[in-house]
Protein backbone atom coordinates (compact mmCIF):
# COMPACT_ATOMS: atom_id res chain seq x y z
CA UNK A 1 2.76 -24.72 7.22
CA UNK A 2 4.70 -25.44 4.04
CA UNK A 3 3.36 -26.64 0.72
CA UNK A 4 5.19 -27.07 -2.55
CA UNK A 5 4.31 -25.42 -5.85
CA UNK A 6 6.44 -25.42 -8.98
CA UNK A 7 9.37 -26.68 -6.90
CA UNK A 8 9.37 -23.41 -4.93
CA UNK A 9 8.28 -23.08 -1.33
CA UNK A 10 5.11 -21.25 -0.41
CA UNK A 11 4.75 -20.21 3.21
CA UNK A 12 1.34 -19.72 4.78
CA UNK A 13 1.36 -17.29 7.69
CA UNK A 14 -1.18 -15.93 10.13
CA UNK A 15 -0.89 -12.15 9.67
CA UNK A 16 -2.10 -11.33 13.18
CA UNK A 17 -5.32 -9.56 12.23
CA UNK A 18 -8.33 -11.65 13.20
CA UNK A 19 -7.82 -15.12 11.72
CA UNK A 20 -6.56 -13.88 8.35
CA UNK A 21 -3.83 -15.91 6.64
CA UNK A 22 -1.45 -15.15 3.78
CA UNK A 23 0.46 -17.37 1.37
CA UNK A 24 3.73 -15.90 0.10
CA UNK A 25 7.02 -17.05 -1.39
CA UNK A 26 10.02 -16.26 0.85
CA UNK A 27 12.28 -16.49 -2.19
CA UNK A 28 10.41 -13.69 -3.93
CA UNK A 29 9.09 -10.83 -1.87
CA UNK A 30 7.48 -11.01 1.58
CA UNK A 31 5.51 -8.12 3.02
CA UNK A 32 7.03 -5.98 5.74
CA UNK A 33 6.03 -3.29 8.19
CA UNK A 34 5.56 -0.77 5.36
CA UNK A 35 2.40 -2.58 4.20
CA UNK A 36 1.00 -2.72 7.73
CA UNK A 37 1.69 0.98 8.30
CA UNK A 38 0.08 1.90 4.97
CA UNK A 39 -3.08 -0.10 5.68
CA UNK A 40 -3.39 1.37 9.16
CA UNK A 41 -2.72 4.91 7.87
CA UNK A 42 -5.44 4.54 5.25
CA UNK A 43 -7.85 2.95 7.71
CA UNK A 44 -7.46 5.95 10.05
CA UNK A 45 -7.92 8.53 7.31
CA UNK A 46 -4.33 9.67 6.99
CA UNK A 47 -3.95 12.13 9.83
CA UNK A 48 -7.56 13.13 10.35
CA UNK A 49 -8.83 13.27 13.91
CA UNK A 50 -11.52 10.88 12.79
CA UNK A 51 -11.52 8.59 9.78
CA UNK A 52 -14.28 9.49 7.30
CA UNK A 53 -17.23 7.16 6.85
CA UNK A 54 -16.16 4.15 4.77
CA UNK A 55 -19.38 2.17 4.47
CA UNK A 56 -20.56 1.84 0.85
CA UNK A 57 -17.23 3.29 -0.37
CA UNK A 58 -14.51 1.83 -2.59
CA UNK A 59 -10.74 1.67 -2.22
CA UNK A 60 -8.05 0.23 -4.51
CA UNK A 61 -4.49 -0.82 -3.68
CA UNK A 62 -2.06 -0.24 -6.55
CA UNK A 63 0.69 -2.87 -6.69
CA UNK A 64 -1.07 -5.14 -4.22
CA UNK A 65 1.46 -8.00 -4.41
CA UNK A 66 0.02 -11.09 -2.75
CA UNK A 67 -2.86 -9.09 -1.26
CA UNK A 68 -1.60 -8.11 2.18
CA UNK A 69 -2.93 -4.53 2.21
CA UNK A 70 -6.42 -5.47 0.93
CA UNK A 71 -6.57 -8.22 3.57
CA UNK A 72 -5.62 -5.87 6.42
CA UNK A 73 -8.05 -3.24 5.10
CA UNK A 74 -10.83 -5.83 5.12
CA UNK A 75 -10.22 -6.21 8.84
CA UNK A 76 -9.54 -2.60 9.84
CA UNK A 77 -12.14 -0.78 7.72
CA UNK A 78 -15.76 -0.79 6.62
CA UNK A 79 -15.00 -0.26 2.92
CA UNK A 80 -17.71 -2.08 1.00
CA UNK A 81 -15.45 -2.87 -1.94
CA UNK A 82 -11.67 -3.33 -1.92
CA UNK A 83 -9.74 -3.72 -5.15
CA UNK A 84 -6.15 -4.73 -5.80
CA UNK A 85 -4.08 -4.23 -8.94
CA UNK A 86 -0.85 -6.17 -9.49
CA UNK A 87 1.43 -6.62 -12.49
CA UNK A 88 3.35 -9.79 -11.64
CA UNK A 89 1.60 -13.01 -12.62
CA UNK A 90 2.94 -15.09 -9.73
CA UNK A 91 1.92 -12.46 -7.18
CA UNK A 92 -1.60 -12.02 -8.51
CA UNK A 93 -2.08 -15.79 -8.56
CA UNK A 94 -1.11 -16.00 -4.89
CA UNK A 95 -3.26 -12.96 -4.11
CA UNK A 96 -6.30 -14.67 -5.60
CA UNK A 97 -5.53 -17.79 -3.57
CA UNK A 98 -5.29 -15.63 -0.44
CA UNK A 99 -8.63 -13.92 -1.04
CA UNK A 100 -10.30 -17.29 -1.62
CA UNK A 101 -8.60 -18.88 1.40
CA UNK A 102 -9.95 -16.09 3.61
CA UNK A 103 -13.45 -16.24 2.02
CA UNK A 104 -13.38 -12.61 0.90
CA UNK A 105 -14.28 -13.05 -2.78
CA UNK A 106 -17.45 -10.96 -2.37
CA UNK A 107 -15.57 -7.98 -0.97
CA UNK A 108 -12.06 -8.01 -2.47
CA UNK A 109 -11.58 -7.95 -6.25
CA UNK A 110 -8.23 -8.35 -8.00
CA UNK A 111 -7.00 -7.40 -11.46
CA UNK A 112 -3.69 -8.09 -13.17
CA UNK A 113 -2.35 -5.06 -14.97
CA UNK A 114 0.12 -2.22 -15.29
CA UNK A 115 -0.26 1.08 -13.43
CA UNK A 116 1.73 2.82 -16.17
CA UNK A 117 -1.26 2.52 -18.51
CA UNK A 118 -4.14 2.63 -16.07
CA UNK A 119 -6.78 3.64 -18.60
CA UNK A 120 -6.09 0.59 -20.73
CA UNK A 121 -5.57 -1.69 -17.74
CA UNK A 122 -8.84 -0.97 -15.92
CA UNK A 123 -10.87 0.77 -18.61
CA UNK A 124 -12.56 4.13 -18.77
CA UNK A 125 -15.59 3.02 -16.76
CA UNK A 126 -13.47 3.00 -13.58
CA UNK A 127 -12.14 6.53 -14.06
CA UNK A 128 -12.90 8.63 -10.96
CA UNK A 129 -14.87 5.73 -9.46
CA UNK A 130 -12.88 5.18 -6.25
CA UNK A 131 -13.18 7.02 -2.95
CA UNK A 132 -9.64 6.12 -1.89
CA UNK A 133 -6.42 4.77 -3.40
CA UNK A 134 -3.42 3.40 -1.53
CA UNK A 135 0.00 2.47 -2.88
CA UNK A 136 3.36 1.09 -1.82
CA UNK A 137 5.38 1.82 -4.99
CA UNK A 138 8.95 0.70 -5.69
CA UNK A 139 11.18 3.01 -3.66
CA UNK A 140 14.35 3.05 -5.74
CA UNK A 141 14.46 5.24 -8.83
CA UNK A 142 15.35 3.44 -12.05
CA UNK A 143 18.28 1.03 -11.83
CA UNK A 144 20.47 3.05 -9.51
CA UNK A 145 20.83 0.27 -6.97
CA UNK A 146 22.32 -3.20 -7.44
CA UNK A 147 19.61 -5.58 -8.74
CA UNK A 148 18.41 -8.30 -6.38
CA UNK A 149 18.83 -11.93 -7.31
CA UNK A 150 15.05 -12.38 -7.42
CA UNK A 151 13.32 -10.70 -10.34
CA UNK A 152 10.17 -10.36 -8.22
CA UNK A 153 12.10 -8.52 -5.51
CA UNK A 154 13.79 -6.32 -8.09
CA UNK A 155 10.47 -5.29 -9.67
CA UNK A 156 8.92 -4.65 -6.25
CA UNK A 157 11.79 -2.42 -5.09
CA UNK A 158 12.98 -0.68 -8.26
CA UNK A 159 11.16 1.53 -10.76
CA UNK A 160 11.56 -0.92 -13.61
CA UNK A 161 7.89 -1.44 -14.49
CA UNK A 162 6.20 1.44 -12.67
CA UNK A 163 7.64 4.79 -11.60
CA UNK A 164 6.52 7.07 -8.79
CA UNK A 165 4.85 9.23 -11.43
CA UNK A 166 3.01 6.20 -12.86
CA UNK A 167 1.49 5.39 -9.47
CA UNK A 168 0.53 9.00 -8.76
CA UNK A 169 -0.97 9.46 -12.22
CA UNK A 170 -2.95 6.22 -11.83
CA UNK A 171 -4.25 7.33 -8.43
CA UNK A 172 -5.42 10.64 -9.85
CA UNK A 173 -7.14 8.84 -12.74
CA UNK A 174 -9.04 6.50 -10.42
CA UNK A 175 -10.01 8.93 -7.65
CA UNK A 176 -13.21 10.90 -7.57
CA UNK A 177 -12.85 14.62 -6.73
CA UNK A 178 -11.90 15.03 -3.04
CA UNK A 179 -10.97 11.36 -2.92
CA UNK A 180 -8.06 10.26 -0.71
CA UNK A 181 -4.64 8.99 -1.77
CA UNK A 182 -2.49 7.19 0.81
CA UNK A 183 1.09 6.19 0.05
CA UNK A 184 4.13 4.81 1.86
CA UNK A 185 7.55 5.72 0.48
CA UNK A 186 11.01 6.91 1.50
CA UNK A 187 11.87 10.35 2.95
CA UNK A 188 14.70 10.69 0.40
CA UNK A 189 12.03 10.94 -2.33
CA UNK A 190 9.96 13.60 -0.54
CA UNK A 191 10.59 16.41 -3.04
CA UNK A 192 9.76 14.11 -5.96
CA UNK A 193 6.61 12.95 -4.17
CA UNK A 194 5.30 16.44 -3.39
CA UNK A 195 6.01 17.80 -6.88
CA UNK A 196 4.50 14.77 -8.59
CA UNK A 197 1.36 14.70 -6.44
CA UNK A 198 0.62 18.38 -7.00
CA UNK A 199 1.24 17.97 -10.74
CA UNK A 200 -1.59 15.41 -10.85
CA UNK A 201 -3.95 17.43 -8.63
CA UNK A 202 -3.34 15.32 -5.53
CA UNK A 203 -2.83 17.96 -2.87
CA UNK A 204 -0.64 16.80 0.06
CA UNK A 205 -2.65 17.08 3.27
CA UNK A 206 -0.61 15.15 5.86
CA UNK A 207 2.78 13.50 6.15
CA UNK A 208 4.23 11.32 8.87
CA UNK A 209 7.86 10.31 9.27
CA UNK A 210 8.67 6.87 10.68
CA UNK A 211 12.03 6.16 12.35
CA UNK A 212 13.54 2.93 13.64
CA UNK A 213 13.90 4.52 17.11
CA UNK A 214 13.31 7.83 18.83
CA UNK A 215 16.03 10.31 17.88
CA UNK A 216 17.04 8.41 14.73
CA UNK A 217 16.57 9.68 11.17
CA UNK A 218 13.33 8.56 9.51
CA UNK A 219 13.48 5.83 6.88
CA UNK A 220 9.76 5.59 6.03
CA UNK A 221 7.31 8.28 4.95
CA UNK A 222 3.51 8.12 5.01
CA UNK A 223 1.60 10.70 2.97
CA UNK A 224 -2.08 11.51 2.52
CA UNK A 225 -3.30 13.59 -0.41
CA UNK A 226 -6.72 14.82 -1.47
CA UNK A 227 -7.69 15.09 -5.13
CA UNK A 228 -8.38 18.75 -5.96
CA UNK A 229 -7.91 19.55 -2.28
CA UNK A 230 -7.02 22.96 -0.89
CA UNK A 231 -3.35 23.63 -0.04
CA UNK A 232 -2.76 22.87 3.63
CA UNK A 233 -0.14 20.40 4.84
CA UNK A 234 -0.11 18.89 8.32
CA UNK A 235 3.11 17.34 9.62
CA UNK A 236 2.05 14.64 12.04
CA UNK A 237 3.90 13.55 15.14
CA UNK A 238 6.75 11.17 14.28
CA UNK A 239 6.38 7.45 14.77
CA UNK A 240 9.19 5.17 15.84
CA UNK A 241 9.11 1.43 15.38
CA UNK A 242 11.20 0.21 18.32
CA UNK A 243 11.33 1.23 21.96
CA UNK A 244 13.99 -0.53 23.97
CA UNK A 245 14.16 -4.21 23.11
CA UNK A 246 10.77 -4.45 21.37
CA UNK A 247 8.19 -2.63 19.33
CA UNK A 248 7.00 0.76 20.51
CA UNK A 249 3.59 1.06 22.13
CA UNK A 250 2.01 2.60 19.03
CA UNK A 251 3.37 -0.13 16.76
CA UNK A 252 1.96 -2.72 19.14
CA UNK A 253 -1.41 -0.97 18.86
CA UNK A 254 -1.20 -0.87 15.05
CA UNK A 255 -0.56 -4.63 15.05
CA UNK A 256 -3.45 -4.94 17.53
CA UNK A 257 -1.33 -6.66 20.12
CA UNK A 258 -2.47 -4.32 22.90
């Protein structure tokens, strides 16, 4: 279905989880498999044999865009309260429309603000108030890559308004002791990620590398950290996206197509 807003197209898609739908602008930034993997990783507890109890607990998604991760989490988890924080005005407006369209206003709460100043953005009363934080930060450091034509895409992919350190610092600020931090990023930033997480008392507990196909180099990294956790890192079995002509069996299961 297509509707028009401000002379720019908005596409409304079924996301494949229950009957949830999502409005997004193809000309700006549409969600990809990274968001789905992050939501599923967080829902399963980030490498634990069993996900911890989620009922009556709170999770926040930093840089939530149009709300895709909170929507998937609402389907895959029992978190009582799901928050989303997003800087871009157009994205947060669409996110609010998406929450209302899916009748989730009593469970998902959204705020517009900057992760680089989390104390000012959300206030001191939310410090150490969340049981879990998830994030899909911009992957590219600074302005090293060629800017995209869309400003929204550029902000989403490049560290122009929020660096890796900003997201990690914000997660540490918001998490209660022993709370969980789940992040999707790029393997090329692994050293930066590990150093930064430990600096802010987020101890890496599990990592998982994701490759396009079996035998190919990974291009996605999932990491789970525990605030004030003990040092012990588990390297999970690798995940590959494609198997033959289609998605691998595990990806099909993550998308709940099996």
